C-alpha atoms as a PDB file:
ATOM      1  CA  MET A   1     -57.486 -14.403   1.293  1.00  0.00           C
ATOM      2  CA  ILE A   2     -60.961 -13.520  -0.027  1.00  0.00           C
ATOM      3  CA  LYS A   3     -61.105  -9.893  -1.369  1.00  0.00           C
ATOM      4  CA  LYS A   4     -64.413  -7.859  -1.465  1.00  0.00           C
ATOM      5  CA  GLY A   5     -64.251  -7.820  -5.316  1.00  0.00           C
ATOM      6  CA  ASN A   6     -63.315 -11.574  -5.718  1.00  0.00           C
ATOM      7  CA  ALA A   7     -66.033 -13.478  -7.546  1.00  0.00           C
ATOM      8  CA  ALA A   8     -65.580 -16.493  -4.794  1.00  0.00           C
ATOM      9  CA  GLY A   9     -66.630 -13.785  -2.075  1.00  0.00           C
ATOM     10  CA  ASN A  10     -69.887 -12.932  -3.714  1.00  0.00           C
ATOM     11  CA  ILE A  11     -71.417 -16.336  -3.763  1.00  0.00           C
ATOM     12  CA  PHE A  12     -72.341 -16.277  -0.152  1.00  0.00           C
ATOM     13  CA  PRO A  13     -74.608 -13.918   1.748  1.00  0.00           C
ATOM     14  CA  SER A  14     -72.895 -11.307   3.884  1.00  0.00           C
ATOM     15  CA  GLY A  15     -73.079 -13.405   6.877  1.00  0.00           C
ATOM     16  CA  ALA A  16     -71.733 -16.371   5.317  1.00  0.00           C
ATOM     17  CA  ARG A  17     -68.828 -14.353   3.987  1.00  0.00           C
ATOM     18  CA  LEU A  18     -68.240 -12.758   7.346  1.00  0.00           C
ATOM     19  CA  GLN A  19     -68.473 -16.468   8.815  1.00  0.00           C
ATOM     20  CA  LEU A  20     -66.130 -17.502   6.143  1.00  0.00           C
ATOM     21  CA  ARG A  21     -63.492 -14.801   6.773  1.00  0.00           C
ATOM     22  CA  LEU A  22     -63.443 -15.512  10.612  1.00  0.00           C
ATOM     23  CA  ILE A  23     -62.790 -19.127  10.035  1.00  0.00           C
ATOM     24  CA  HIS A  24     -60.126 -18.120   7.318  1.00  0.00           C
ATOM     25  CA  LEU A  25     -58.390 -15.893  10.235  1.00  0.00           C
ATOM     26  CA  PHE A  26     -58.569 -18.711  12.604  1.00  0.00           C
ATOM     27  CA  LEU A  27     -56.891 -21.214  10.296  1.00  0.00           C
ATOM     28  CA  LEU A  28     -54.189 -18.683   9.348  1.00  0.00           C
ATOM     29  CA  ARG A  29     -53.547 -18.196  13.130  1.00  0.00           C
ATOM     30  CA  ASN A  30     -53.413 -21.613  13.754  1.00  0.00           C
ATOM     31  CA  ALA A  31     -51.121 -22.456  10.824  1.00  0.00           C
ATOM     32  CA  ARG A  32     -48.127 -20.649  12.549  1.00  0.00           C
ATOM     33  CA  ARG A  33     -48.331 -23.005  15.230  1.00  0.00           C
ATOM     34  CA  LYS A  34     -45.805 -25.975  14.971  1.00  0.00           C
ATOM     35  CA  GLU A  35     -48.003 -28.789  16.409  1.00  0.00           C
ATOM     36  CA  GLY A  36     -51.275 -30.035  14.705  1.00  0.00           C
ATOM     37  CA  ILE A  37     -52.411 -30.944  11.351  1.00  0.00           C
ATOM     38  CA  ARG A  38     -50.613 -29.005   8.436  1.00  0.00           C
ATOM     39  CA  MET A  39     -52.859 -28.459   5.621  1.00  0.00           C
ATOM     40  CA  ASN A  40     -52.299 -26.703   2.231  1.00  0.00           C
ATOM     41  CA  MET A  41     -53.862 -22.996   2.738  1.00  0.00           C
ATOM     42  CA  ASP A  42     -55.974 -23.946  -0.584  1.00  0.00           C
ATOM     43  CA  THR A  43     -57.524 -27.007   0.996  1.00  0.00           C
ATOM     44  CA  ARG A  44     -58.181 -24.885   4.201  1.00  0.00           C
ATOM     45  CA  LEU A  45     -59.817 -22.048   2.203  1.00  0.00           C
ATOM     46  CA  TRP A  46     -61.903 -24.784   0.411  1.00  0.00           C
ATOM     47  CA  LEU A  47     -63.016 -26.434   3.638  1.00  0.00           C
ATOM     48  CA  CYS A  48     -64.078 -22.977   4.930  1.00  0.00           C
ATOM     49  CA  ALA A  49     -66.219 -22.332   1.829  1.00  0.00           C
ATOM     50  CA  VAL A  50     -67.852 -25.650   2.046  1.00  0.00           C
ATOM     51  CA  GLY A  51     -68.679 -25.391   5.740  1.00  0.00           C
ATOM     52  CA  SER A  52     -69.993 -21.682   5.117  1.00  0.00           C
ATOM     53  CA  GLY A  53     -72.233 -23.134   2.150  1.00  0.00           C
ATOM     54  CA  ILE A  54     -73.519 -26.099   4.236  1.00  0.00           C
ATOM     55  CA  VAL A  55     -74.477 -23.729   7.072  1.00  0.00           C
ATOM     56  CA  SER A  56     -76.007 -21.070   4.698  1.00  0.00           C
ATOM     57  CA  LEU A  57     -78.015 -24.001   2.989  1.00  0.00           C
ATOM     58  CA  LEU A  58     -79.350 -25.148   6.545  1.00  0.00           C
ATOM     59  CA  GLY A  59     -80.757 -21.682   6.974  1.00  0.00           C
ATOM     60  CA  GLY A  60     -77.689 -19.928   9.072  1.00  0.00           C
ATOM     61  CA  TRP A  61     -76.113 -20.827  12.485  1.00  0.00           C
ATOM     62  CA  ASP A  62     -78.677 -20.134  15.293  1.00  0.00           C
ATOM     63  CA  MET A  63     -79.672 -21.697  18.545  1.00  0.00           C
ATOM     64  CA  TRP A  64     -82.110 -24.107  16.583  1.00  0.00           C
ATOM     65  CA  LEU A  65     -79.436 -25.644  14.472  1.00  0.00           C
ATOM     66  CA  THR A  66     -76.933 -25.787  17.416  1.00  0.00           C
ATOM     67  CA  ALA A  67     -79.346 -27.596  19.542  1.00  0.00           C
ATOM     68  CA  LEU A  68     -80.171 -30.070  16.727  1.00  0.00           C
ATOM     69  CA  LEU A  69     -76.644 -30.779  15.837  1.00  0.00           C
ATOM     70  CA  ILE A  70     -75.632 -31.206  19.501  1.00  0.00           C
ATOM     71  CA  LEU A  71     -78.754 -33.702  20.148  1.00  0.00           C
ATOM     72  CA  LEU A  72     -77.820 -35.659  17.026  1.00  0.00           C
ATOM     73  CA  ALA A  73     -74.157 -36.318  18.424  1.00  0.00           C
ATOM     74  CA  ILE A  74     -75.478 -37.026  21.704  1.00  0.00           C
ATOM     75  CA  ASP A  75     -77.944 -39.374  20.309  1.00  0.00           C
ATOM     76  CA  MET A  76     -75.230 -41.270  18.202  1.00  0.00           C
ATOM     77  CA  ILE A  77     -72.829 -41.601  21.232  1.00  0.00           C
ATOM     78  CA  SER A  78     -75.943 -42.748  23.475  1.00  0.00           C
ATOM     79  CA  GLU A  79     -76.876 -45.382  20.939  1.00  0.00           C
ATOM     80  CA  ILE A  80     -73.284 -46.464  20.989  1.00  0.00           C
ATOM     81  CA  ILE A  81     -73.096 -46.728  24.734  1.00  0.00           C
ATOM     82  CA  ARG A  82     -76.428 -48.404  25.041  1.00  0.00           C
ATOM     83  CA  SER A  83     -75.364 -51.183  22.469  1.00  0.00           C
ATOM     84  CA  LEU A  84     -72.261 -51.796  24.575  1.00  0.00           C
ATOM     85  CA  LEU A  85     -73.866 -51.813  27.954  1.00  0.00           C
ATOM     86  CA  VAL A  86     -77.426 -53.584  27.213  1.00  0.00           C
ATOM     87  CA  ARG A  87     -77.304 -57.083  26.247  1.00  0.00           C
ATOM     88  CA  THR A  88     -80.006 -58.390  24.297  1.00  0.00           C
ATOM     89  CA  GLY A  89     -81.390 -62.001  24.474  1.00  0.00           C
ATOM     90  CA  ARG A  90     -79.372 -62.771  21.460  1.00  0.00           C
ATOM     91  CA  LYS A  91     -75.746 -61.929  20.795  1.00  0.00           C
ATOM     92  CA  LYS A  92     -75.266 -59.210  18.300  1.00  0.00           C
ATOM     93  CA  ALA A  93     -72.387 -59.245  15.908  1.00  0.00           C
ATOM     94  CA  LYS A  94     -69.869 -56.465  15.584  1.00  0.00           C
ATOM     95  CA  SER A  95     -70.920 -56.332  11.864  1.00  0.00           C
ATOM     96  CA  SER A  96     -74.688 -55.567  12.901  1.00  0.00           C
ATOM     97  CA  ARG A  97     -73.695 -52.794  15.190  1.00  0.00           C
ATOM     98  CA  SER A  98     -71.848 -50.935  12.463  1.00  0.00           C
ATOM     99  CA  LYS A  99     -74.731 -51.423  10.154  1.00  0.00           C
ATOM    100  CA  LEU A 100     -77.043 -49.991  12.884  1.00  0.00           C
ATOM    101  CA  LEU A 101     -74.547 -47.168  13.421  1.00  0.00           C
ATOM    102  CA  LEU A 102     -74.356 -46.447   9.598  1.00  0.00           C
ATOM    103  CA  ARG A 103     -78.125 -46.518   9.226  1.00  0.00           C
ATOM    104  CA  GLY A 104     -78.226 -44.004  12.138  1.00  0.00           C
ATOM    105  CA  ALA A 105     -75.664 -41.965  10.504  1.00  0.00           C
ATOM    106  CA  ILE A 106     -77.574 -41.867   7.158  1.00  0.00           C
ATOM    107  CA  LYS A 107     -81.025 -41.023   9.046  1.00  0.00           C
ATOM    108  CA  LYS A 108     -79.112 -38.012  10.916  1.00  0.00           C
ATOM    109  CA  ILE A 109     -77.782 -36.970   7.289  1.00  0.00           C
ATOM    110  CA  TYR A 110     -81.559 -37.132   6.006  1.00  0.00           C
ATOM    111  CA  ILE A 111     -82.535 -35.050   8.841  1.00  0.00           C
ATOM    112  CA  LEU A 112     -80.199 -32.171   7.984  1.00  0.00           C
ATOM    113  CA  CYS A 113     -81.457 -32.449   4.388  1.00  0.00           C
ATOM    114  CA  LEU A 114     -84.917 -31.794   5.733  1.00  0.00           C
ATOM    115  CA  VAL A 115     -84.060 -28.983   7.780  1.00  0.00           C
ATOM    116  CA  ALA A 116     -82.045 -27.600   4.360  1.00  0.00           C
ATOM    117  CA  MET A 117     -85.398 -28.246   2.322  1.00  0.00           C
ATOM    118  CA  GLY A 118     -87.153 -26.114   5.265  1.00  0.00           C
ATOM    119  CA  ALA A 119     -84.667 -23.115   5.051  1.00  0.00           C
ATOM    120  CA  LEU A 120     -85.496 -23.218   1.173  1.00  0.00           C
ATOM    121  CA  LEU A 121     -89.109 -23.397   1.598  1.00  0.00           C
ATOM    122  CA  ASP A 122     -88.707 -20.270   3.882  1.00  0.00           C
ATOM    123  CA  GLN A 123     -86.930 -18.581   1.291  1.00  0.00           C
ATOM    124  CA  ILE A 124     -89.395 -19.261  -1.578  1.00  0.00           C
ATOM    125  CA  VAL A 125     -92.752 -19.044   0.496  1.00  0.00           C
ATOM    126  CA  PHE A 126     -92.210 -16.842   3.389  1.00  0.00           C
ATOM    127  CA  GLU A 127     -89.359 -14.699   1.774  1.00  0.00           C
ATOM    128  CA  GLY A 128     -86.839 -15.253   4.575  1.00  0.00           C
ATOM    129  CA  ASP A 129     -88.648 -15.925   7.635  1.00  0.00           C
ATOM    130  CA  THR A 130     -87.583 -19.101   9.442  1.00  0.00           C
ATOM    131  CA  LEU A 131     -91.137 -20.811  10.281  1.00  0.00           C
ATOM    132  CA  VAL A 132     -90.816 -23.934   8.513  1.00  0.00           C
ATOM    133  CA  ARG A 133     -87.110 -24.658   9.283  1.00  0.00           C
ATOM    134  CA  ASN A 134     -87.741 -24.197  12.719  1.00  0.00           C
ATOM    135  CA  THR A 135     -90.627 -26.255  12.823  1.00  0.00           C
ATOM    136  CA  VAL A 136     -88.669 -28.813  11.009  1.00  0.00           C
ATOM    137  CA  ALA A 137     -85.641 -28.504  13.548  1.00  0.00           C
ATOM    138  CA  GLY A 138     -88.061 -28.126  16.626  1.00  0.00           C
ATOM    139  CA  TYR A 139     -89.825 -31.528  15.657  1.00  0.00           C
ATOM    140  CA  TYR A 140     -86.498 -33.295  15.240  1.00  0.00           C
ATOM    141  CA  ILE A 141     -84.845 -31.923  18.558  1.00  0.00           C
ATOM    142  CA  ALA A 142     -88.050 -33.286  20.455  1.00  0.00           C
ATOM    143  CA  THR A 143     -87.649 -36.581  18.603  1.00  0.00           C
ATOM    144  CA  GLU A 144     -83.769 -36.914  19.319  1.00  0.00           C
ATOM    145  CA  GLY A 145     -84.200 -35.730  22.885  1.00  0.00           C
ATOM    146  CA  LEU A 146     -86.924 -38.417  23.323  1.00  0.00           C
ATOM    147  CA  HIS A 147     -84.562 -41.094  21.510  1.00  0.00           C
ATOM    148  CA  ILE A 148     -81.719 -40.007  24.232  1.00  0.00           C
ATOM    149  CA  LEU A 149     -84.169 -40.454  27.085  1.00  0.00           C
ATOM    150  CA  GLU A 150     -84.805 -44.114  25.765  1.00  0.00           C
ATOM    151  CA  HIS A 151     -81.045 -44.995  25.414  1.00  0.00           C
ATOM    152  CA  ILE A 152     -80.407 -43.700  28.846  1.00  0.00           C
ATOM    153  CA  SER A 153     -83.403 -45.320  30.510  1.00  0.00           C
ATOM    154  CA  ALA A 154     -82.549 -48.673  28.838  1.00  0.00           C
ATOM    155  CA  CYS A 155     -79.247 -48.075  30.473  1.00  0.00           C
ATOM    156  CA  GLY A 156     -80.921 -48.236  33.906  1.00  0.00           C
ATOM    157  CA  VAL A 157     -80.721 -44.698  34.690  1.00  0.00           C
ATOM    158  CA  PRO A 158     -83.860 -43.041  36.086  1.00  0.00           C
ATOM    159  CA  LEU A 159     -85.229 -40.091  34.477  1.00  0.00           C
ATOM    160  CA  PRO A 160     -87.383 -37.212  35.809  1.00  0.00           C
ATOM    161  CA  LYS A 161     -90.747 -37.105  34.246  1.00  0.00           C
ATOM    162  CA  LEU A 162     -90.375 -33.587  33.282  1.00  0.00           C
ATOM    163  CA  LEU A 163     -87.940 -34.154  30.760  1.00  0.00           C
ATOM    164  CA  TYR A 164     -90.497 -36.570  29.143  1.00  0.00           C
ATOM    165  CA  SER A 165     -93.422 -34.139  29.192  1.00  0.00           C
ATOM    166  CA  VAL A 166     -91.357 -31.000  28.075  1.00  0.00           C
ATOM    167  CA  LEU A 167     -90.109 -33.126  24.785  1.00  0.00           C
ATOM    168  CA  HIS A 168     -93.605 -34.683  24.254  1.00  0.00           C
ATOM    169  CA  ALA A 169     -95.127 -30.828  24.419  1.00  0.00           C
ATOM    170  CA  LEU A 170     -92.370 -29.673  22.138  1.00  0.00           C
ATOM    171  CA  ARG A 171     -92.884 -32.541  19.461  1.00  0.00           C
ATOM    172  CA  LYS A 172     -96.551 -32.391  19.908  1.00  0.00           C
ATOM    173  CA  ASP A 173     -96.488 -28.531  18.957  1.00  0.00           C
ATOM    174  CA  HIS A 174     -94.198 -29.051  15.826  1.00  0.00           C
ATOM    175  CA  ASP A 175     -96.157 -32.131  14.533  1.00  0.00           C
ATOM    176  CA  ASP A 176     -98.621 -31.628  12.028  1.00  0.00           C
ATOM    177  CA  ASP A 177    -101.652 -33.981  12.281  1.00  0.00           C
ATOM    178  CA  HIS A 178    -103.017 -32.903   8.846  1.00  0.00           C
ATOM    179  CA  SER A 179    -100.278 -34.392   6.931  1.00  0.00           C
ATOM    180  CA  SER A 180     -99.437 -38.120   6.431  1.00  0.00           C
ATOM    181  CA  PRO A 181     -95.933 -39.289   5.406  1.00  0.00           C
ATOM    182  CA  PRO A 182     -95.590 -40.399   2.092  1.00  0.00           C
ATOM    183  CA  ARG A 183     -95.882 -44.242   1.346  1.00  0.00           C
ATOM    184  CA  ALA A 184     -93.310 -46.370  -0.131  1.00  0.00           C
ATOM    185  CA  LEU A 185     -93.920 -47.503  -3.892  1.00  0.00           C
END
């Protein structure tokens, strides 16, 4: 249990300490149950600390991060369903599907790295405001939403045009036309 004077409790901001404490209490409550996964209490505490640290690095848990994580998961699931339902002209081997899924998972990790970078830039440049982080998160929320719509429409499901227009508008609002992506060396 983390006490107020403990050094481990002071490495997180106050909101993350509260979150860490709540997760710790949840795990203690579930530890008393007979069923479920049994873990050492130290392992649980380290998992809580790592989870709280990641959330803190991503700029805190809010609706932007919730929406982004949900859309990232739905995009992965819809890609799997699309690869199973839609047959292309050539047959794909299972190994190429797994390579595509691995590549997609790595892209999702990079997206989260960009959100973390935006949160860090907010801390440095805007002193705690979430302008850059929310812009990055909003751009990828719109992008992932458009990917999901592409996957669903490829399976033959009709889609309302309102979804496309809202996601395109959100992506356009968060897209910076003045900067160009870095070129590969």
